C-alpha atoms as a PDB file:
ATOM      1  CA  UNK A   1       0.000   0.000   0.000  1.00  0.00           C
ATOM      2  CA  UNK A   2       1.448   3.353  -0.975  1.00  0.00           C
ATOM      3  CA  UNK A   3       0.583   5.230   2.182  1.00  0.00           C
ATOM      4  CA  UNK A   4      -0.107   4.735   5.851  1.00  0.00           C
ATOM      5  CA  UNK A   5      -3.651   6.103   5.796  1.00  0.00           C
ATOM      6  CA  UNK A   6      -5.132   2.651   5.218  1.00  0.00           C
ATOM      7  CA  UNK A   7      -6.287   0.724   8.255  1.00  0.00           C
ATOM      8  CA  UNK A   8      -4.364  -2.471   8.964  1.00  0.00           C
ATOM      9  CA  UNK A   9      -7.528  -4.550   9.266  1.00  0.00           C
ATOM     10  CA  UNK A  10      -9.710  -4.335   6.190  1.00  0.00           C
ATOM     11  CA  UNK A  11     -12.300  -6.746   4.928  1.00  0.00           C
ATOM     12  CA  UNK A  12     -12.200  -8.249   1.434  1.00  0.00           C
ATOM     13  CA  UNK A  13     -15.244  -6.109   0.610  1.00  0.00           C
ATOM     14  CA  UNK A  14     -13.393  -2.944   1.691  1.00  0.00           C
ATOM     15  CA  UNK A  15     -10.347  -3.991  -0.339  1.00  0.00           C
ATOM     16  CA  UNK A  16     -12.523  -4.503  -3.407  1.00  0.00           C
ATOM     17  CA  UNK A  17     -14.178  -1.099  -2.942  1.00  0.00           C
ATOM     18  CA  UNK A  18     -10.793   0.592  -2.407  1.00  0.00           C
ATOM     19  CA  UNK A  19      -9.476  -0.908  -5.644  1.00  0.00           C
ATOM     20  CA  UNK A  20     -12.632   0.146  -7.479  1.00  0.00           C
ATOM     21  CA  UNK A  21     -12.478   3.726  -6.144  1.00  0.00           C
ATOM     22  CA  UNK A  22      -8.782   4.002  -7.008  1.00  0.00           C
ATOM     23  CA  UNK A  23      -9.402   2.755 -10.549  1.00  0.00           C
ATOM     24  CA  UNK A  24     -12.500   4.833 -11.301  1.00  0.00           C
ATOM     25  CA  UNK A  25     -10.964   7.994  -9.801  1.00  0.00           C
ATOM     26  CA  UNK A  26      -7.837   7.494 -11.912  1.00  0.00           C
ATOM     27  CA  UNK A  27      -9.996   7.157 -15.022  1.00  0.00           C
ATOM     28  CA  UNK A  28     -12.028  10.250 -14.094  1.00  0.00           C
ATOM     29  CA  UNK A  29      -9.013  12.476 -13.410  1.00  0.00           C
ATOM     30  CA  UNK A  30      -7.293  11.279 -16.588  1.00  0.00           C
ATOM     31  CA  UNK A  31     -10.328  12.470 -18.549  1.00  0.00           C
ATOM     32  CA  UNK A  32     -10.920  15.704 -16.630  1.00  0.00           C
ATOM     33  CA  UNK A  33      -7.473  17.042 -15.725  1.00  0.00           C
ATOM     34  CA  UNK A  34      -5.942  19.792 -17.791  1.00  0.00           C
ATOM     35  CA  UNK A  35      -2.624  19.639 -19.559  1.00  0.00           C
ATOM     36  CA  UNK A  36      -0.774  21.743 -16.972  1.00  0.00           C
ATOM     37  CA  UNK A  37      -0.216  18.846 -14.579  1.00  0.00           C
ATOM     38  CA  UNK A  38      -0.318  15.081 -14.355  1.00  0.00           C
ATOM     39  CA  UNK A  39      -2.568  13.770 -11.584  1.00  0.00           C
ATOM     40  CA  UNK A  40      -1.862  10.189 -10.510  1.00  0.00           C
ATOM     41  CA  UNK A  41      -4.258   8.451  -8.138  1.00  0.00           C
ATOM     42  CA  UNK A  42      -2.107   6.427  -5.738  1.00  0.00           C
ATOM     43  CA  UNK A  43      -4.601   5.015  -3.235  1.00  0.00           C
ATOM     44  CA  UNK A  44      -8.129   5.134  -1.899  1.00  0.00           C
ATOM     45  CA  UNK A  45      -9.598   4.355   1.488  1.00  0.00           C
ATOM     46  CA  UNK A  46     -13.129   3.539   2.553  1.00  0.00           C
ATOM     47  CA  UNK A  47     -14.639   3.722   6.017  1.00  0.00           C
ATOM     48  CA  UNK A  48     -15.895   0.469   7.595  1.00  0.00           C
ATOM     49  CA  UNK A  49     -19.502   1.618   7.063  1.00  0.00           C
ATOM     50  CA  UNK A  50     -18.753   2.516   3.394  1.00  0.00           C
ATOM     51  CA  UNK A  51     -20.144   6.032   3.880  1.00  0.00           C
ATOM     52  CA  UNK A  52     -16.862   7.953   3.518  1.00  0.00           C
ATOM     53  CA  UNK A  53     -13.965   7.510   1.162  1.00  0.00           C
ATOM     54  CA  UNK A  54     -10.708   9.306   0.488  1.00  0.00           C
ATOM     55  CA  UNK A  55      -8.848   9.445  -2.808  1.00  0.00           C
ATOM     56  CA  UNK A  56      -5.076  10.036  -2.533  1.00  0.00           C
ATOM     57  CA  UNK A  57      -3.087  11.400  -5.464  1.00  0.00           C
ATOM     58  CA  UNK A  58       0.223  12.882  -6.495  1.00  0.00           C
ATOM     59  CA  UNK A  59       0.805  15.644  -9.001  1.00  0.00           C
ATOM     60  CA  UNK A  60       3.617  16.375 -11.421  1.00  0.00           C
ATOM     61  CA  UNK A  61       5.060  18.922 -11.434  1.00  0.00           C
ATOM     62  CA  UNK A  62       4.880  19.337  -7.679  1.00  0.00           C
ATOM     63  CA  UNK A  63       4.670  23.113  -8.136  1.00  0.00           C
ATOM     64  CA  UNK A  64       1.099  22.528  -9.387  1.00  0.00           C
ATOM     65  CA  UNK A  65      -0.021  20.500  -6.322  1.00  0.00           C
ATOM     66  CA  UNK A  66      -2.188  23.194  -4.747  1.00  0.00           C
ATOM     67  CA  UNK A  67      -3.921  23.926  -8.052  1.00  0.00           C
ATOM     68  CA  UNK A  68      -4.448  20.194  -8.607  1.00  0.00           C
ATOM     69  CA  UNK A  69      -5.885  19.793  -5.102  1.00  0.00           C
ATOM     70  CA  UNK A  70      -8.268  22.723  -5.662  1.00  0.00           C
ATOM     71  CA  UNK A  71      -9.286  21.206  -9.004  1.00  0.00           C
ATOM     72  CA  UNK A  72      -9.883  17.770  -7.447  1.00  0.00           C
ATOM     73  CA  UNK A  73     -11.960  19.276  -4.646  1.00  0.00           C
ATOM     74  CA  UNK A  74     -14.082  21.234  -7.131  1.00  0.00           C
ATOM     75  CA  UNK A  75     -14.661  18.056  -9.158  1.00  0.00           C
ATOM     76  CA  UNK A  76     -15.816  15.842  -6.244  1.00  0.00           C
ATOM     77  CA  UNK A  77     -19.495  16.159  -7.174  1.00  0.00           C
ATOM     78  CA  UNK A  78     -18.746  15.253 -10.784  1.00  0.00           C
ATOM     79  CA  UNK A  79     -16.612  12.338  -9.585  1.00  0.00           C
ATOM     80  CA  UNK A  80     -19.547  11.005  -7.553  1.00  0.00           C
ATOM     81  CA  UNK A  81     -21.779  11.299 -10.648  1.00  0.00           C
ATOM     82  CA  UNK A  82     -19.144   9.493 -12.707  1.00  0.00           C
ATOM     83  CA  UNK A  83     -19.038   6.685 -10.139  1.00  0.00           C
ATOM     84  CA  UNK A  84     -22.827   6.517 -10.049  1.00  0.00           C
ATOM     85  CA  UNK A  85     -22.934   6.160 -13.847  1.00  0.00           C
ATOM     86  CA  UNK A  86     -20.249   3.450 -13.902  1.00  0.00           C
ATOM     87  CA  UNK A  87     -21.212   1.335 -10.900  1.00  0.00           C
ATOM     88  CA  UNK A  88     -24.254  -0.225  -9.350  1.00  0.00           C
ATOM     89  CA  UNK A  89     -23.777   0.878  -5.769  1.00  0.00           C
ATOM     90  CA  UNK A  90     -26.602   1.098  -3.299  1.00  0.00           C
ATOM     91  CA  UNK A  91     -25.060   4.092  -1.531  1.00  0.00           C
ATOM     92  CA  UNK A  92     -22.281   6.286  -2.837  1.00  0.00           C
ATOM     93  CA  UNK A  93     -19.645   7.292  -0.289  1.00  0.00           C
ATOM     94  CA  UNK A  94     -18.966  10.945   0.404  1.00  0.00           C
ATOM     95  CA  UNK A  95     -15.531  11.481  -1.097  1.00  0.00           C
ATOM     96  CA  UNK A  96     -12.590  13.524   0.045  1.00  0.00           C
ATOM     97  CA  UNK A  97      -9.416  14.099  -1.974  1.00  0.00           C
ATOM     98  CA  UNK A  98      -5.942  14.525  -0.524  1.00  0.00           C
ATOM     99  CA  UNK A  99      -2.371  14.738  -1.709  1.00  0.00           C
ATOM    100  CA  UNK A 100      -0.542  11.499  -0.926  1.00  0.00           C
ATOM    101  CA  UNK A 101       2.163  12.734   1.443  1.00  0.00           C
ATOM    102  CA  UNK A 102       3.618   9.244   1.881  1.00  0.00           C
ATOM    103  CA  UNK A 103       4.241   8.852  -1.836  1.00  0.00           C
ATOM    104  CA  UNK A 104       5.715  12.348  -2.062  1.00  0.00           C
ATOM    105  CA  UNK A 105       8.105  11.548   0.808  1.00  0.00           C
ATOM    106  CA  UNK A 106       9.098   8.264  -0.857  1.00  0.00           C
ATOM    107  CA  UNK A 107       9.892  10.118  -4.087  1.00  0.00           C
ATOM    108  CA  UNK A 108      11.987  12.654  -2.170  1.00  0.00           C
ATOM    109  CA  UNK A 109      13.958   9.851  -0.494  1.00  0.00           C
ATOM    110  CA  UNK A 110      14.584   8.316  -3.924  1.00  0.00           C
ATOM    111  CA  UNK A 111      15.864  11.676  -5.207  1.00  0.00           C
ATOM    112  CA  UNK A 112      18.218  12.049  -2.238  1.00  0.00           C
ATOM    113  CA  UNK A 113      19.468   8.493  -2.728  1.00  0.00           C
ATOM    114  CA  UNK A 114      20.310   9.199  -6.361  1.00  0.00           C
ATOM    115  CA  UNK A 115      22.227  12.352  -5.416  1.00  0.00           C
ATOM    116  CA  UNK A 116      24.335  10.556  -2.808  1.00  0.00           C
END
């Protein structure tokens, strides 16, 4: 798992939903994102009651992260509609989007390792 936000104990149903959310969010942001930055969905989490979910992403170049986060937050409603149109879910989770700090830190460590 790319970050530490995910609970250690998840059910197979949660794992399946996480994978689905990660995949569908990646597809959505690929279609919707502008050409100024590359948004990569790295992970997704879902609450045990399936009512709340979080999509984690990275952005390249990193100088565009705040703009990408604002964009992703503005598009949450459209993302929920996209999920509703591509899945047969009884209840859609309320989604939050966040920059994946764990992945960003891993990339920074890789950069430092290459310099040394």
